[in-house]
Amino acid sequence: AWLSIASAAWAGDSSERRIIGFSPDGKW
């Protein structure tokens, strides 16, 4: 999450980010 926010500061666009989440087994 921190890297996503930090990279937005350098980007020339305004990205929206959403967490989809973990798989039921926690591997993804």
mmCIF file of all heavy atoms, coordinates in Angstrom:
data_MODEL
# 
_entry.id   MODEL 
# 
loop_
_atom_site.group_PDB 
_atom_site.id 
_atom_site.type_symbol 
_atom_site.label_atom_id 
_atom_site.label_alt_id 
_atom_site.label_comp_id 
_atom_site.label_asym_id 
_atom_site.label_entity_id 
_atom_site.label_seq_id 
_atom_site.pdbx_PDB_ins_code 
_atom_site.Cartn_x 
_atom_site.Cartn_y 
_atom_site.Cartn_z 
_atom_site.occupancy 
_atom_site.B_iso_or_equiv 
_atom_site.pdbx_formal_charge 
_atom_site.auth_seq_id 
_atom_site.auth_comp_id 
_atom_site.auth_asym_id 
_atom_site.auth_atom_id 
_atom_site.pdbx_PDB_model_num 
ATOM 1   N N   . ALA A 1 1  ? 0.835   -1.201  0.000   1.00 0.00 ? 1  ALA A N   1 
ATOM 2   C CA  . ALA A 1 1  ? 0.000   0.000   0.000   1.00 0.00 ? 1  ALA A CA  1 
ATOM 3   C C   . ALA A 1 1  ? 0.872   1.253   0.000   1.00 0.00 ? 1  ALA A C   1 
ATOM 4   O O   . ALA A 1 1  ? 0.608   2.210   -0.738  1.00 0.00 ? 1  ALA A O   1 
ATOM 5   C CB  . ALA A 1 1  ? -0.931  -0.007  1.204   1.00 0.00 ? 1  ALA A CB  1 
ATOM 6   N N   . TRP A 1 2  ? 1.932   1.264   0.796   1.00 0.00 ? 2  TRP A N   1 
ATOM 7   C CA  . TRP A 1 2  ? 2.830   2.409   0.851   1.00 0.00 ? 2  TRP A CA  1 
ATOM 8   C C   . TRP A 1 2  ? 3.490   2.639   -0.504  1.00 0.00 ? 2  TRP A C   1 
ATOM 9   O O   . TRP A 1 2  ? 3.584   3.771   -0.969  1.00 0.00 ? 2  TRP A O   1 
ATOM 10  C CB  . TRP A 1 2  ? 3.892   2.198   1.932   1.00 0.00 ? 2  TRP A CB  1 
ATOM 11  C CG  . TRP A 1 2  ? 4.814   3.376   2.046   1.00 0.00 ? 2  TRP A CG  1 
ATOM 12  C CD1 . TRP A 1 2  ? 4.609   4.522   2.741   1.00 0.00 ? 2  TRP A CD1 1 
ATOM 13  C CD2 . TRP A 1 2  ? 6.078   3.521   1.406   1.00 0.00 ? 2  TRP A CD2 1 
ATOM 14  N NE1 . TRP A 1 2  ? 5.661   5.372   2.573   1.00 0.00 ? 2  TRP A NE1 1 
ATOM 15  C CE2 . TRP A 1 2  ? 6.589   4.784   1.754   1.00 0.00 ? 2  TRP A CE2 1 
ATOM 16  C CE3 . TRP A 1 2  ? 6.833   2.705   0.564   1.00 0.00 ? 2  TRP A CE3 1 
ATOM 17  C CZ2 . TRP A 1 2  ? 7.805   5.241   1.292   1.00 0.00 ? 2  TRP A CZ2 1 
ATOM 18  C CZ3 . TRP A 1 2  ? 8.049   3.172   0.109   1.00 0.00 ? 2  TRP A CZ3 1 
ATOM 19  C CH2 . TRP A 1 2  ? 8.528   4.422   0.480   1.00 0.00 ? 2  TRP A CH2 1 
ATOM 20  N N   . LEU A 1 3  ? 3.958   1.574   -1.137  1.00 0.00 ? 3  LEU A N   1 
ATOM 21  C CA  . LEU A 1 3  ? 4.594   1.710   -2.444  1.00 0.00 ? 3  LEU A CA  1 
ATOM 22  C C   . LEU A 1 3  ? 3.618   2.220   -3.489  1.00 0.00 ? 3  LEU A C   1 
ATOM 23  O O   . LEU A 1 3  ? 3.984   3.010   -4.359  1.00 0.00 ? 3  LEU A O   1 
ATOM 24  C CB  . LEU A 1 3  ? 5.198   0.373   -2.887  1.00 0.00 ? 3  LEU A CB  1 
ATOM 25  C CG  . LEU A 1 3  ? 6.430   -0.076  -2.124  1.00 0.00 ? 3  LEU A CG  1 
ATOM 26  C CD1 . LEU A 1 3  ? 6.824   -1.488  -2.543  1.00 0.00 ? 3  LEU A CD1 1 
ATOM 27  C CD2 . LEU A 1 3  ? 7.577   0.891   -2.321  1.00 0.00 ? 3  LEU A CD2 1 
ATOM 28  N N   . SER A 1 4  ? 2.382   1.787   -3.410  1.00 0.00 ? 4  SER A N   1 
ATOM 29  C CA  . SER A 1 4  ? 1.369   2.267   -4.346  1.00 0.00 ? 4  SER A CA  1 
ATOM 30  C C   . SER A 1 4  ? 1.145   3.759   -4.185  1.00 0.00 ? 4  SER A C   1 
ATOM 31  O O   . SER A 1 4  ? 1.056   4.495   -5.162  1.00 0.00 ? 4  SER A O   1 
ATOM 32  C CB  . SER A 1 4  ? 0.045   1.524   -4.136  1.00 0.00 ? 4  SER A CB  1 
ATOM 33  O OG  . SER A 1 4  ? 0.187   0.168   -4.435  1.00 0.00 ? 4  SER A OG  1 
ATOM 34  N N   . ILE A 1 5  ? 1.075   4.209   -2.954  1.00 0.00 ? 5  ILE A N   1 
ATOM 35  C CA  . ILE A 1 5  ? 0.877   5.633   -2.695  1.00 0.00 ? 5  ILE A CA  1 
ATOM 36  C C   . ILE A 1 5  ? 2.104   6.421   -3.120  1.00 0.00 ? 5  ILE A C   1 
ATOM 37  O O   . ILE A 1 5  ? 2.000   7.468   -3.749  1.00 0.00 ? 5  ILE A O   1 
ATOM 38  C CB  . ILE A 1 5  ? 0.562   5.872   -1.205  1.00 0.00 ? 5  ILE A CB  1 
ATOM 39  C CG1 . ILE A 1 5  ? -0.798  5.267   -0.872  1.00 0.00 ? 5  ILE A CG1 1 
ATOM 40  C CG2 . ILE A 1 5  ? 0.600   7.345   -0.867  1.00 0.00 ? 5  ILE A CG2 1 
ATOM 41  C CD1 . ILE A 1 5  ? -1.078  5.163   0.611   1.00 0.00 ? 5  ILE A CD1 1 
ATOM 42  N N   . ALA A 1 6  ? 3.281   5.915   -2.797  1.00 0.00 ? 6  ALA A N   1 
ATOM 43  C CA  . ALA A 1 6  ? 4.522   6.611   -3.155  1.00 0.00 ? 6  ALA A CA  1 
ATOM 44  C C   . ALA A 1 6  ? 4.681   6.707   -4.659  1.00 0.00 ? 6  ALA A C   1 
ATOM 45  O O   . ALA A 1 6  ? 5.085   7.740   -5.183  1.00 0.00 ? 6  ALA A O   1 
ATOM 46  C CB  . ALA A 1 6  ? 5.725   5.895   -2.537  1.00 0.00 ? 6  ALA A CB  1 
ATOM 47  N N   . SER A 1 7  ? 4.343   5.639   -5.382  1.00 0.00 ? 7  SER A N   1 
ATOM 48  C CA  . SER A 1 7  ? 4.496   5.675   -6.829  1.00 0.00 ? 7  SER A CA  1 
ATOM 49  C C   . SER A 1 7  ? 3.519   6.653   -7.460  1.00 0.00 ? 7  SER A C   1 
ATOM 50  O O   . SER A 1 7  ? 3.807   7.249   -8.493  1.00 0.00 ? 7  SER A O   1 
ATOM 51  C CB  . SER A 1 7  ? 4.324   4.278   -7.436  1.00 0.00 ? 7  SER A CB  1 
ATOM 52  O OG  . SER A 1 7  ? 3.007   3.822   -7.261  1.00 0.00 ? 7  SER A OG  1 
ATOM 53  N N   . ALA A 1 8  ? 2.359   6.866   -6.840  1.00 0.00 ? 8  ALA A N   1 
ATOM 54  C CA  . ALA A 1 8  ? 1.388   7.819   -7.375  1.00 0.00 ? 8  ALA A CA  1 
ATOM 55  C C   . ALA A 1 8  ? 1.936   9.238   -7.317  1.00 0.00 ? 8  ALA A C   1 
ATOM 56  O O   . ALA A 1 8  ? 1.599   10.070  -8.160  1.00 0.00 ? 8  ALA A O   1 
ATOM 57  C CB  . ALA A 1 8  ? 0.076   7.718   -6.605  1.00 0.00 ? 8  ALA A CB  1 
ATOM 58  N N   . ALA A 1 9  ? 2.778   9.512   -6.339  1.00 0.00 ? 9  ALA A N   1 
ATOM 59  C CA  . ALA A 1 9  ? 3.354   10.850  -6.235  1.00 0.00 ? 9  ALA A CA  1 
ATOM 60  C C   . ALA A 1 9  ? 4.263   11.160  -7.407  1.00 0.00 ? 9  ALA A C   1 
ATOM 61  O O   . ALA A 1 9  ? 4.411   12.316  -7.796  1.00 0.00 ? 9  ALA A O   1 
ATOM 62  C CB  . ALA A 1 9  ? 4.136   10.964  -4.922  1.00 0.00 ? 9  ALA A CB  1 
ATOM 63  N N   . TRP A 1 10 ? 4.871   10.142  -7.986  1.00 0.00 ? 10 TRP A N   1 
ATOM 64  C CA  . TRP A 1 10 ? 5.759   10.347  -9.121  1.00 0.00 ? 10 TRP A CA  1 
ATOM 65  C C   . TRP A 1 10 ? 5.045   10.217  -10.459 1.00 0.00 ? 10 TRP A C   1 
ATOM 66  O O   . TRP A 1 10 ? 5.546   10.637  -11.475 1.00 0.00 ? 10 TRP A O   1 
ATOM 67  C CB  . TRP A 1 10 ? 6.906   9.349   -9.083  1.00 0.00 ? 10 TRP A CB  1 
ATOM 68  C CG  . TRP A 1 10 ? 7.771   9.523   -7.877  1.00 0.00 ? 10 TRP A CG  1 
ATOM 69  C CD1 . TRP A 1 10 ? 8.318   10.664  -7.411  1.00 0.00 ? 10 TRP A CD1 1 
ATOM 70  C CD2 . TRP A 1 10 ? 8.171   8.500   -6.971  1.00 0.00 ? 10 TRP A CD2 1 
ATOM 71  N NE1 . TRP A 1 10 ? 9.029   10.428  -6.265  1.00 0.00 ? 10 TRP A NE1 1 
ATOM 72  C CE2 . TRP A 1 10 ? 8.965   9.102   -5.980  1.00 0.00 ? 10 TRP A CE2 1 
ATOM 73  C CE3 . TRP A 1 10 ? 7.944   7.133   -6.904  1.00 0.00 ? 10 TRP A CE3 1 
ATOM 74  C CZ2 . TRP A 1 10 ? 9.526   8.389   -4.934  1.00 0.00 ? 10 TRP A CZ2 1 
ATOM 75  C CZ3 . TRP A 1 10 ? 8.505   6.429   -5.861  1.00 0.00 ? 10 TRP A CZ3 1 
ATOM 76  C CH2 . TRP A 1 10 ? 9.290   7.057   -4.892  1.00 0.00 ? 10 TRP A CH2 1 
ATOM 77  N N   . ALA A 1 11 ? 3.900   9.600   -10.457 1.00 0.00 ? 11 ALA A N   1 
ATOM 78  C CA  . ALA A 1 11 ? 3.183   9.335   -11.709 1.00 0.00 ? 11 ALA A CA  1 
ATOM 79  C C   . ALA A 1 11 ? 2.529   10.602  -12.224 1.00 0.00 ? 11 ALA A C   1 
ATOM 80  O O   . ALA A 1 11 ? 2.189   11.497  -11.470 1.00 0.00 ? 11 ALA A O   1 
ATOM 81  C CB  . ALA A 1 11 ? 2.132   8.258   -11.485 1.00 0.00 ? 11 ALA A CB  1 
ATOM 82  N N   . GLY A 1 12 ? 2.327   10.641  -13.551 1.00 0.00 ? 12 GLY A N   1 
ATOM 83  C CA  . GLY A 1 12 ? 1.689   11.785  -14.170 1.00 0.00 ? 12 GLY A CA  1 
ATOM 84  C C   . GLY A 1 12 ? 0.194   11.594  -14.318 1.00 0.00 ? 12 GLY A C   1 
ATOM 85  O O   . GLY A 1 12 ? -0.461  12.390  -14.959 1.00 0.00 ? 12 GLY A O   1 
ATOM 86  N N   . ASP A 1 13 ? -0.347  10.573  -13.745 1.00 0.00 ? 13 ASP A N   1 
ATOM 87  C CA  . ASP A 1 13 ? -1.786  10.347  -13.829 1.00 0.00 ? 13 ASP A CA  1 
ATOM 88  C C   . ASP A 1 13 ? -2.357  10.231  -12.424 1.00 0.00 ? 13 ASP A C   1 
ATOM 89  O O   . ASP A 1 13 ? -1.629  10.248  -11.450 1.00 0.00 ? 13 ASP A O   1 
ATOM 90  C CB  . ASP A 1 13 ? -2.106  9.092   -14.652 1.00 0.00 ? 13 ASP A CB  1 
ATOM 91  C CG  . ASP A 1 13 ? -1.466  7.849   -14.075 1.00 0.00 ? 13 ASP A CG  1 
ATOM 92  O OD1 . ASP A 1 13 ? -1.702  7.561   -12.884 1.00 0.00 ? 13 ASP A OD1 1 
ATOM 93  O OD2 . ASP A 1 13 ? -0.743  7.163   -14.800 1.00 0.00 ? 13 ASP A OD2 1 
ATOM 94  N N   . SER A 1 14 ? -3.642  10.135  -12.336 1.00 0.00 ? 14 SER A N   1 
ATOM 95  C CA  . SER A 1 14 ? -4.270  9.985   -11.019 1.00 0.00 ? 14 SER A CA  1 
ATOM 96  C C   . SER A 1 14 ? -4.935  8.620   -10.956 1.00 0.00 ? 14 SER A C   1 
ATOM 97  O O   . SER A 1 14 ? -6.079  8.465   -11.339 1.00 0.00 ? 14 SER A O   1 
ATOM 98  C CB  . SER A 1 14 ? -5.279  11.098  -10.775 1.00 0.00 ? 14 SER A CB  1 
ATOM 99  O OG  . SER A 1 14 ? -6.245  11.120  -11.793 1.00 0.00 ? 14 SER A OG  1 
ATOM 100 N N   . SER A 1 15 ? -4.190  7.650   -10.513 1.00 0.00 ? 15 SER A N   1 
ATOM 101 C CA  . SER A 1 15 ? -4.689  6.280   -10.421 1.00 0.00 ? 15 SER A CA  1 
ATOM 102 C C   . SER A 1 15 ? -5.553  6.108   -9.191  1.00 0.00 ? 15 SER A C   1 
ATOM 103 O O   . SER A 1 15 ? -5.299  6.691   -8.154  1.00 0.00 ? 15 SER A O   1 
ATOM 104 C CB  . SER A 1 15 ? -3.527  5.290   -10.308 1.00 0.00 ? 15 SER A CB  1 
ATOM 105 O OG  . SER A 1 15 ? -2.759  5.304   -11.461 1.00 0.00 ? 15 SER A OG  1 
ATOM 106 N N   . GLU A 1 16 ? -6.542  5.266   -9.341  1.00 0.00 ? 16 GLU A N   1 
ATOM 107 C CA  . GLU A 1 16 ? -7.315  4.820   -8.196  1.00 0.00 ? 16 GLU A CA  1 
ATOM 108 C C   . GLU A 1 16 ? -6.918  3.376   -7.962  1.00 0.00 ? 16 GLU A C   1 
ATOM 109 O O   . GLU A 1 16 ? -6.771  2.609   -8.911  1.00 0.00 ? 16 GLU A O   1 
ATOM 110 C CB  . GLU A 1 16 ? -8.813  4.923   -8.488  1.00 0.00 ? 16 GLU A CB  1 
ATOM 111 C CG  . GLU A 1 16 ? -9.655  4.593   -7.289  1.00 0.00 ? 16 GLU A CG  1 
ATOM 112 C CD  . GLU A 1 16 ? -11.126 4.895   -7.510  1.00 0.00 ? 16 GLU A CD  1 
ATOM 113 O OE1 . GLU A 1 16 ? -11.449 5.686   -8.394  1.00 0.00 ? 16 GLU A OE1 1 
ATOM 114 O OE2 . GLU A 1 16 ? -11.935 4.297   -6.781  1.00 0.00 ? 16 GLU A OE2 1 
ATOM 115 N N   . ARG A 1 17 ? -6.697  3.018   -6.714  1.00 0.00 ? 17 ARG A N   1 
ATOM 116 C CA  . ARG A 1 17 ? -6.279  1.657   -6.389  1.00 0.00 ? 17 ARG A CA  1 
ATOM 117 C C   . ARG A 1 17 ? -7.294  1.016   -5.468  1.00 0.00 ? 17 ARG A C   1 
ATOM 118 O O   . ARG A 1 17 ? -7.826  1.677   -4.583  1.00 0.00 ? 17 ARG A O   1 
ATOM 119 C CB  . ARG A 1 17 ? -4.912  1.672   -5.714  1.00 0.00 ? 17 ARG A CB  1 
ATOM 120 C CG  . ARG A 1 17 ? -3.820  2.039   -6.669  1.00 0.00 ? 17 ARG A CG  1 
ATOM 121 C CD  . ARG A 1 17 ? -2.532  2.393   -5.946  1.00 0.00 ? 17 ARG A CD  1 
ATOM 122 N NE  . ARG A 1 17 ? -1.614  3.026   -6.847  1.00 0.00 ? 17 ARG A NE  1 
ATOM 123 C CZ  . ARG A 1 17 ? -1.642  4.298   -7.188  1.00 0.00 ? 17 ARG A CZ  1 
ATOM 124 N NH1 . ARG A 1 17 ? -2.570  5.078   -6.717  1.00 0.00 ? 17 ARG A NH1 1 
ATOM 125 N NH2 . ARG A 1 17 ? -0.759  4.803   -8.006  1.00 0.00 ? 17 ARG A NH2 1 
ATOM 126 N N   . ARG A 1 18 ? -7.518  -0.261  -5.694  1.00 0.00 ? 18 ARG A N   1 
ATOM 127 C CA  . ARG A 1 18 ? -8.432  -1.017  -4.835  1.00 0.00 ? 18 ARG A CA  1 
ATOM 128 C C   . ARG A 1 18 ? -7.825  -2.383  -4.549  1.00 0.00 ? 18 ARG A C   1 
ATOM 129 O O   . ARG A 1 18 ? -7.304  -3.037  -5.447  1.00 0.00 ? 18 ARG A O   1 
ATOM 130 C CB  . ARG A 1 18 ? -9.777  -1.211  -5.510  1.00 0.00 ? 18 ARG A CB  1 
ATOM 131 C CG  . ARG A 1 18 ? -10.530 0.077   -5.663  1.00 0.00 ? 18 ARG A CG  1 
ATOM 132 C CD  . ARG A 1 18 ? -11.984 -0.145  -5.934  1.00 0.00 ? 18 ARG A CD  1 
ATOM 133 N NE  . ARG A 1 18 ? -12.619 1.150   -6.075  1.00 0.00 ? 18 ARG A NE  1 
ATOM 134 C CZ  . ARG A 1 18 ? -13.506 1.437   -6.993  1.00 0.00 ? 18 ARG A CZ  1 
ATOM 135 N NH1 . ARG A 1 18 ? -13.888 0.516   -7.846  1.00 0.00 ? 18 ARG A NH1 1 
ATOM 136 N NH2 . ARG A 1 18 ? -14.036 2.623   -7.053  1.00 0.00 ? 18 ARG A NH2 1 
ATOM 137 N N   . ILE A 1 19 ? -7.913  -2.789  -3.311  1.00 0.00 ? 19 ILE A N   1 
ATOM 138 C CA  . ILE A 1 19 ? -7.451  -4.119  -2.939  1.00 0.00 ? 19 ILE A CA  1 
ATOM 139 C C   . ILE A 1 19 ? -8.564  -5.105  -3.244  1.00 0.00 ? 19 ILE A C   1 
ATOM 140 O O   . ILE A 1 19 ? -9.702  -4.928  -2.811  1.00 0.00 ? 19 ILE A O   1 
ATOM 141 C CB  . ILE A 1 19 ? -7.066  -4.168  -1.451  1.00 0.00 ? 19 ILE A CB  1 
ATOM 142 C CG1 . ILE A 1 19 ? -5.834  -3.299  -1.217  1.00 0.00 ? 19 ILE A CG1 1 
ATOM 143 C CG2 . ILE A 1 19 ? -6.827  -5.601  -0.998  1.00 0.00 ? 19 ILE A CG2 1 
ATOM 144 C CD1 . ILE A 1 19 ? -5.409  -3.176  0.213   1.00 0.00 ? 19 ILE A CD1 1 
ATOM 145 N N   . ILE A 1 20 ? -8.238  -6.133  -3.999  1.00 0.00 ? 20 ILE A N   1 
ATOM 146 C CA  . ILE A 1 20 ? -9.194  -7.200  -4.289  1.00 0.00 ? 20 ILE A CA  1 
ATOM 147 C C   . ILE A 1 20 ? -9.185  -8.172  -3.122  1.00 0.00 ? 20 ILE A C   1 
ATOM 148 O O   . ILE A 1 20 ? -10.222 -8.612  -2.656  1.00 0.00 ? 20 ILE A O   1 
ATOM 149 C CB  . ILE A 1 20 ? -8.858  -7.890  -5.626  1.00 0.00 ? 20 ILE A CB  1 
ATOM 150 C CG1 . ILE A 1 20 ? -8.989  -6.866  -6.768  1.00 0.00 ? 20 ILE A CG1 1 
ATOM 151 C CG2 . ILE A 1 20 ? -9.741  -9.104  -5.842  1.00 0.00 ? 20 ILE A CG2 1 
ATOM 152 C CD1 . ILE A 1 20 ? -8.433  -7.330  -8.092  1.00 0.00 ? 20 ILE A CD1 1 
ATOM 153 N N   . GLY A 1 21 ? -7.990  -8.510  -2.624  1.00 0.00 ? 21 GLY A N   1 
ATOM 154 C CA  . GLY A 1 21 ? -7.878  -9.324  -1.420  1.00 0.00 ? 21 GLY A CA  1 
ATOM 155 C C   . GLY A 1 21 ? -7.075  -10.591 -1.609  1.00 0.00 ? 21 GLY A C   1 
ATOM 156 O O   . GLY A 1 21 ? -6.433  -10.802 -2.635  1.00 0.00 ? 21 GLY A O   1 
ATOM 157 N N   . PHE A 1 22 ? -7.113  -11.426 -0.583  1.00 0.00 ? 22 PHE A N   1 
ATOM 158 C CA  . PHE A 1 22 ? -6.400  -12.700 -0.566  1.00 0.00 ? 22 PHE A CA  1 
ATOM 159 C C   . PHE A 1 22 ? -7.301  -13.816 -1.067  1.00 0.00 ? 22 PHE A C   1 
ATOM 160 O O   . PHE A 1 22 ? -8.520  -13.770 -0.892  1.00 0.00 ? 22 PHE A O   1 
ATOM 161 C CB  . PHE A 1 22 ? -5.941  -13.045 0.853   1.00 0.00 ? 22 PHE A CB  1 
ATOM 162 C CG  . PHE A 1 22 ? -4.787  -12.223 1.339   1.00 0.00 ? 22 PHE A CG  1 
ATOM 163 C CD1 . PHE A 1 22 ? -5.002  -11.082 2.093   1.00 0.00 ? 22 PHE A CD1 1 
ATOM 164 C CD2 . PHE A 1 22 ? -3.488  -12.581 1.023   1.00 0.00 ? 22 PHE A CD2 1 
ATOM 165 C CE1 . PHE A 1 22 ? -3.945  -10.317 2.540   1.00 0.00 ? 22 PHE A CE1 1 
ATOM 166 C CE2 . PHE A 1 22 ? -2.423  -11.821 1.463   1.00 0.00 ? 22 PHE A CE2 1 
ATOM 167 C CZ  . PHE A 1 22 ? -2.648  -10.682 2.216   1.00 0.00 ? 22 PHE A CZ  1 
ATOM 168 N N   . SER A 1 23 ? -6.688  -14.838 -1.639  1.00 0.00 ? 23 SER A N   1 
ATOM 169 C CA  . SER A 1 23 ? -7.424  -16.049 -1.993  1.00 0.00 ? 23 SER A CA  1 
ATOM 170 C C   . SER A 1 23 ? -7.824  -16.748 -0.695  1.00 0.00 ? 23 SER A C   1 
ATOM 171 O O   . SER A 1 23 ? -7.235  -16.492 0.362   1.00 0.00 ? 23 SER A O   1 
ATOM 172 C CB  . SER A 1 23 ? -6.546  -16.965 -2.851  1.00 0.00 ? 23 SER A CB  1 
ATOM 173 O OG  . SER A 1 23 ? -5.416  -17.397 -2.114  1.00 0.00 ? 23 SER A OG  1 
ATOM 174 N N   . PRO A 1 24 ? -8.828  -17.631 -0.745  1.00 0.00 ? 24 PRO A N   1 
ATOM 175 C CA  . PRO A 1 24 ? -9.260  -18.325 0.481   1.00 0.00 ? 24 PRO A CA  1 
ATOM 176 C C   . PRO A 1 24 ? -8.137  -19.060 1.206   1.00 0.00 ? 24 PRO A C   1 
ATOM 177 O O   . PRO A 1 24 ? -8.130  -19.136 2.436   1.00 0.00 ? 24 PRO A O   1 
ATOM 178 C CB  . PRO A 1 24 ? -10.324 -19.304 -0.016  1.00 0.00 ? 24 PRO A CB  1 
ATOM 179 C CG  . PRO A 1 24 ? -10.878 -18.660 -1.244  1.00 0.00 ? 24 PRO A CG  1 
ATOM 180 C CD  . PRO A 1 24 ? -9.687  -17.972 -1.886  1.00 0.00 ? 24 PRO A CD  1 
ATOM 181 N N   . ASP A 1 25 ? -7.158  -19.584 0.455   1.00 0.00 ? 25 ASP A N   1 
ATOM 182 C CA  . ASP A 1 25 ? -6.055  -20.306 1.101   1.00 0.00 ? 25 ASP A CA  1 
ATOM 183 C C   . ASP A 1 25 ? -4.892  -19.391 1.498   1.00 0.00 ? 25 ASP A C   1 
ATOM 184 O O   . ASP A 1 25 ? -3.909  -19.840 2.066   1.00 0.00 ? 25 ASP A O   1 
ATOM 185 C CB  . ASP A 1 25 ? -5.555  -21.441 0.214   1.00 0.00 ? 25 ASP A CB  1 
ATOM 186 C CG  . ASP A 1 25 ? -5.000  -20.965 -1.121  1.00 0.00 ? 25 ASP A CG  1 
ATOM 187 O OD1 . ASP A 1 25 ? -4.880  -19.732 -1.342  1.00 0.00 ? 25 ASP A OD1 1 
ATOM 188 O OD2 . ASP A 1 25 ? -4.697  -21.826 -1.967  1.00 0.00 ? 25 ASP A OD2 1 
ATOM 189 N N   . GLY A 1 26 ? -4.992  -18.092 1.194   1.00 0.00 ? 26 GLY A N   1 
ATOM 190 C CA  . GLY A 1 26 ? -3.968  -17.130 1.587   1.00 0.00 ? 26 GLY A CA  1 
ATOM 191 C C   . GLY A 1 26 ? -2.707  -17.161 0.754   1.00 0.00 ? 26 GLY A C   1 
ATOM 192 O O   . GLY A 1 26 ? -1.729  -16.502 1.077   1.00 0.00 ? 26 GLY A O   1 
ATOM 193 N N   . LYS A 1 27 ? -2.705  -17.888 -0.356  1.00 0.00 ? 27 LYS A N   1 
ATOM 194 C CA  . LYS A 1 27 ? -1.502  -18.010 -1.178  1.00 0.00 ? 27 LYS A CA  1 
ATOM 195 C C   . LYS A 1 27 ? -1.383  -16.925 -2.240  1.00 0.00 ? 27 LYS A C   1 
ATOM 196 O O   . LYS A 1 27 ? -0.319  -16.759 -2.836  1.00 0.00 ? 27 LYS A O   1 
ATOM 197 C CB  . LYS A 1 27 ? -1.468  -19.380 -1.855  1.00 0.00 ? 27 LYS A CB  1 
ATOM 198 C CG  . LYS A 1 27 ? -1.308  -20.518 -0.867  1.00 0.00 ? 27 LYS A CG  1 
ATOM 199 C CD  . LYS A 1 27 ? -1.268  -21.853 -1.569  1.00 0.00 ? 27 LYS A CD  1 
ATOM 200 C CE  . LYS A 1 27 ? -1.106  -22.976 -0.569  1.00 0.00 ? 27 LYS A CE  1 
ATOM 201 N NZ  . LYS A 1 27 ? -1.075  -24.285 -1.229  1.00 0.00 ? 27 LYS A NZ  1 
ATOM 202 N N   . TRP A 1 28 ? -2.454  -16.197 -2.499  1.00 0.00 ? 28 TRP A N   1 
ATOM 203 C CA  . TRP A 1 28 ? -2.464  -15.186 -3.555  1.00 0.00 ? 28 TRP A CA  1 
ATOM 204 C C   . TRP A 1 28 ? -3.044  -13.882 -3.009  1.00 0.00 ? 28 TRP A C   1 
ATOM 205 O O   . TRP A 1 28 ? -3.944  -13.905 -2.178  1.00 0.00 ? 28 TRP A O   1 
ATOM 206 C CB  . TRP A 1 28 ? -3.320  -15.644 -4.733  1.00 0.00 ? 28 TRP A CB  1 
ATOM 207 C CG  . TRP A 1 28 ? -2.926  -16.977 -5.247  1.00 0.00 ? 28 TRP A CG  1 
ATOM 208 C CD1 . TRP A 1 28 ? -3.461  -18.188 -4.894  1.00 0.00 ? 28 TRP A CD1 1 
ATOM 209 C CD2 . TRP A 1 28 ? -1.898  -17.276 -6.183  1.00 0.00 ? 28 TRP A CD2 1 
ATOM 210 N NE1 . TRP A 1 28 ? -2.832  -19.204 -5.560  1.00 0.00 ? 28 TRP A NE1 1 
ATOM 211 C CE2 . TRP A 1 28 ? -1.870  -18.675 -6.362  1.00 0.00 ? 28 TRP A CE2 1 
ATOM 212 C CE3 . TRP A 1 28 ? -1.003  -16.500 -6.907  1.00 0.00 ? 28 TRP A CE3 1 
ATOM 213 C CZ2 . TRP A 1 28 ? -0.975  -19.293 -7.224  1.00 0.00 ? 28 TRP A CZ2 1 
ATOM 214 C CZ3 . TRP A 1 28 ? -0.121  -17.116 -7.761  1.00 0.00 ? 28 TRP A CZ3 1 
ATOM 215 C CH2 . TRP A 1 28 ? -0.097  -18.491 -7.916  1.00 0.00 ? 28 TRP A CH2 1 
# 
